[in-house]
Amino acid sequence: MPDHLISASEEMGASDSNRENRFPSLNDVEKFHIEKALDEAGQNKSKASKLLGISRDTLYKKIQKYNIK
């Protein structure tokens, strides 16, 4: 696995015990990026949506989908 994916997997809390389980699902990656964008934007959804390159409406739907607080 490329170093940048290993780093992201570790940051997301993936276990080192089984290399195959270290590769996160696309849903896990998407949720992680949304949470990081919200943190970086100070929980401002307009700014976070711009960081992610998606509309605010799409961001709200994804926040609801992943039950992000």
N, C-alpha and C. Protein backbone atom coordinates (compact mmCIF):
# COMPACT_ATOMS: atom_id res chain seq x y z
N MET A 1 0.85 -1.17 0.00
CA MET A 1 0.00 0.00 0.00
C MET A 1 0.90 1.24 0.00
N PRO A 2 0.56 2.25 -0.79
CA PRO A 2 1.37 3.47 -0.82
C PRO A 2 1.43 4.13 0.56
N ASP A 3 2.53 4.82 0.80
CA ASP A 3 2.76 5.44 2.11
C ASP A 3 1.64 6.39 2.52
N HIS A 4 1.13 7.19 1.56
CA HIS A 4 0.08 8.14 1.94
C HIS A 4 -1.20 7.44 2.36
N LEU A 5 -1.49 6.27 1.79
CA LEU A 5 -2.67 5.52 2.20
C LEU A 5 -2.45 4.84 3.55
N ILE A 6 -1.23 4.38 3.78
CA ILE A 6 -0.90 3.78 5.08
C ILE A 6 -1.05 4.83 6.17
N SER A 7 -0.54 6.03 5.92
CA SER A 7 -0.65 7.12 6.89
C SER A 7 -2.11 7.45 7.17
N ALA A 8 -2.92 7.55 6.13
CA ALA A 8 -4.34 7.86 6.31
C ALA A 8 -5.04 6.73 7.07
N SER A 9 -4.70 5.49 6.75
CA SER A 9 -5.30 4.35 7.45
C SER A 9 -4.96 4.38 8.92
N GLU A 10 -3.71 4.67 9.23
CA GLU A 10 -3.29 4.74 10.62
C GLU A 10 -3.98 5.89 11.34
N GLU A 11 -4.10 7.02 10.66
CA GLU A 11 -4.76 8.18 11.27
C GLU A 11 -6.23 7.89 11.52
N MET A 12 -6.83 7.06 10.68
CA MET A 12 -8.23 6.69 10.84
C MET A 12 -8.40 5.61 11.90
N GLY A 13 -7.31 5.09 12.44
CA GLY A 13 -7.39 4.11 13.51
C GLY A 13 -7.35 2.67 13.05
N ALA A 14 -6.87 2.41 11.85
CA ALA A 14 -6.79 1.04 11.36
C ALA A 14 -5.73 0.27 12.13
N SER A 15 -5.95 -0.99 12.27
CA SER A 15 -5.06 -1.86 13.03
C SER A 15 -3.86 -2.29 12.19
N ASP A 16 -2.73 -2.46 12.86
CA ASP A 16 -1.53 -2.95 12.18
C ASP A 16 -1.49 -4.47 12.12
N SER A 17 -2.40 -5.14 12.82
CA SER A 17 -2.32 -6.58 12.96
C SER A 17 -2.58 -7.34 11.66
N ASN A 18 -3.42 -6.81 10.79
CA ASN A 18 -3.73 -7.51 9.55
C ASN A 18 -3.67 -6.51 8.39
N ARG A 19 -2.70 -6.66 7.53
CA ARG A 19 -2.47 -5.71 6.44
C ARG A 19 -3.70 -5.55 5.54
N GLU A 20 -4.43 -6.63 5.29
CA GLU A 20 -5.61 -6.54 4.43
C GLU A 20 -6.69 -5.67 5.05
N ASN A 21 -6.82 -5.67 6.36
CA ASN A 21 -7.84 -4.87 7.03
C ASN A 21 -7.41 -3.41 7.19
N ARG A 22 -6.18 -3.08 6.84
CA ARG A 22 -5.69 -1.72 6.96
C ARG A 22 -6.21 -0.83 5.85
N PHE A 23 -6.72 -1.42 4.79
CA PHE A 23 -7.23 -0.63 3.68
C PHE A 23 -8.67 -0.25 3.98
N PRO A 24 -8.94 1.04 4.24
CA PRO A 24 -10.28 1.46 4.64
C PRO A 24 -11.27 1.41 3.48
N SER A 25 -12.55 1.26 3.82
CA SER A 25 -13.59 1.28 2.78
C SER A 25 -13.74 2.71 2.26
N LEU A 26 -14.35 2.85 1.10
CA LEU A 26 -14.58 4.18 0.54
C LEU A 26 -15.47 5.02 1.45
N ASN A 27 -16.46 4.39 2.07
CA ASN A 27 -17.32 5.11 3.00
C ASN A 27 -16.53 5.63 4.19
N ASP A 28 -15.61 4.81 4.71
CA ASP A 28 -14.77 5.23 5.83
C ASP A 28 -13.89 6.41 5.43
N VAL A 29 -13.34 6.35 4.23
CA VAL A 29 -12.48 7.43 3.75
C VAL A 29 -13.30 8.71 3.57
N GLU A 30 -14.48 8.59 2.97
CA GLU A 30 -15.32 9.76 2.76
C GLU A 30 -15.71 10.40 4.10
N LYS A 31 -16.14 9.60 5.06
CA LYS A 31 -16.51 10.12 6.37
C LYS A 31 -15.32 10.81 7.03
N PHE A 32 -14.16 10.19 6.96
CA PHE A 32 -12.95 10.75 7.54
C PHE A 32 -12.64 12.12 6.94
N HIS A 33 -12.72 12.23 5.61
CA HIS A 33 -12.42 13.49 4.94
C HIS A 33 -13.45 14.57 5.29
N ILE A 34 -14.68 14.19 5.40
CA ILE A 34 -15.71 15.16 5.78
C ILE A 34 -15.43 15.67 7.19
N GLU A 35 -15.12 14.77 8.11
CA GLU A 35 -14.82 15.17 9.49
C GLU A 35 -13.58 16.08 9.54
N LYS A 36 -12.56 15.75 8.78
CA LYS A 36 -11.35 16.59 8.75
C LYS A 36 -11.65 17.97 8.17
N ALA A 37 -12.43 18.02 7.10
CA ALA A 37 -12.78 19.30 6.49
C ALA A 37 -13.59 20.15 7.46
N LEU A 38 -14.52 19.53 8.17
CA LEU A 38 -15.31 20.26 9.15
C LEU A 38 -14.43 20.79 10.28
N ASP A 39 -13.50 19.98 10.73
CA ASP A 39 -12.57 20.43 11.78
C ASP A 39 -11.72 21.60 11.29
N GLU A 40 -11.20 21.46 10.08
CA GLU A 40 -10.34 22.51 9.52
C GLU A 40 -11.13 23.81 9.29
N ALA A 41 -12.42 23.67 8.98
CA ALA A 41 -13.26 24.84 8.72
C ALA A 41 -13.92 25.35 9.99
N GLY A 42 -13.53 24.84 11.14
CA GLY A 42 -14.15 25.29 12.39
C GLY A 42 -15.62 24.95 12.47
N GLN A 43 -16.01 23.82 11.89
CA GLN A 43 -17.39 23.33 11.83
C GLN A 43 -18.29 24.18 10.93
N ASN A 44 -17.71 25.07 10.16
CA ASN A 44 -18.46 25.90 9.22
C ASN A 44 -18.72 25.06 7.96
N LYS A 45 -19.97 24.71 7.76
CA LYS A 45 -20.32 23.79 6.66
C LYS A 45 -20.10 24.40 5.28
N SER A 46 -20.29 25.70 5.14
CA SER A 46 -20.02 26.34 3.85
C SER A 46 -18.55 26.24 3.49
N LYS A 47 -17.69 26.54 4.45
CA LYS A 47 -16.25 26.45 4.21
C LYS A 47 -15.82 25.00 3.98
N ALA A 48 -16.38 24.08 4.76
CA ALA A 48 -16.03 22.66 4.60
C ALA A 48 -16.45 22.16 3.23
N SER A 49 -17.62 22.56 2.77
CA SER A 49 -18.07 22.10 1.45
C SER A 49 -17.15 22.62 0.35
N LYS A 50 -16.65 23.85 0.52
CA LYS A 50 -15.71 24.40 -0.47
C LYS A 50 -14.39 23.64 -0.43
N LEU A 51 -13.92 23.29 0.78
CA LEU A 51 -12.69 22.51 0.89
C LEU A 51 -12.83 21.16 0.19
N LEU A 52 -14.02 20.57 0.30
CA LEU A 52 -14.27 19.25 -0.29
C LEU A 52 -14.65 19.32 -1.77
N GLY A 53 -15.00 20.51 -2.24
CA GLY A 53 -15.41 20.65 -3.64
C GLY A 53 -16.79 20.11 -3.92
N ILE A 54 -17.68 20.20 -2.91
CA ILE A 54 -19.06 19.75 -3.07
C ILE A 54 -20.00 20.85 -2.60
N SER A 55 -21.27 20.74 -2.96
CA SER A 55 -22.24 21.75 -2.54
C SER A 55 -22.57 21.58 -1.05
N ARG A 56 -23.11 22.65 -0.45
CA ARG A 56 -23.54 22.55 0.94
C ARG A 56 -24.62 21.51 1.10
N ASP A 57 -25.54 21.44 0.14
CA ASP A 57 -26.62 20.47 0.19
C ASP A 57 -26.07 19.04 0.21
N THR A 58 -25.09 18.79 -0.64
CA THR A 58 -24.46 17.46 -0.68
C THR A 58 -23.76 17.18 0.65
N LEU A 59 -23.08 18.18 1.20
CA LEU A 59 -22.41 17.99 2.48
C LEU A 59 -23.41 17.65 3.57
N TYR A 60 -24.53 18.37 3.62
CA TYR A 60 -25.55 18.08 4.62
C TYR A 60 -26.07 16.65 4.49
N LYS A 61 -26.28 16.20 3.25
CA LYS A 61 -26.76 14.83 3.03
C LYS A 61 -25.74 13.81 3.51
N LYS A 62 -24.46 14.08 3.26
CA LYS A 62 -23.40 13.15 3.68
C LYS A 62 -23.23 13.18 5.21
N ILE A 63 -23.40 14.34 5.82
CA ILE A 63 -23.33 14.44 7.29
C ILE A 63 -24.44 13.58 7.89
N GLN A 64 -25.62 13.67 7.29
CA GLN A 64 -26.74 12.86 7.76
C GLN A 64 -26.48 11.37 7.51
N LYS A 65 -25.98 11.03 6.33
CA LYS A 65 -25.71 9.64 5.96
C LYS A 65 -24.73 8.99 6.95
N TYR A 66 -23.68 9.72 7.32
CA TYR A 66 -22.65 9.16 8.20
C TYR A 66 -22.86 9.50 9.67
N ASN A 67 -24.00 10.16 9.97
CA ASN A 67 -24.34 10.52 11.35
C ASN A 67 -23.20 11.28 12.02
N ILE A 68 -22.69 12.29 11.31
CA ILE A 68 -21.60 13.11 11.82
C ILE A 68 -22.20 14.21 12.68
N LYS A 69 -21.67 14.39 13.87
CA LYS A 69 -22.17 15.42 14.80
C LYS A 69 -21.35 16.67 14.69
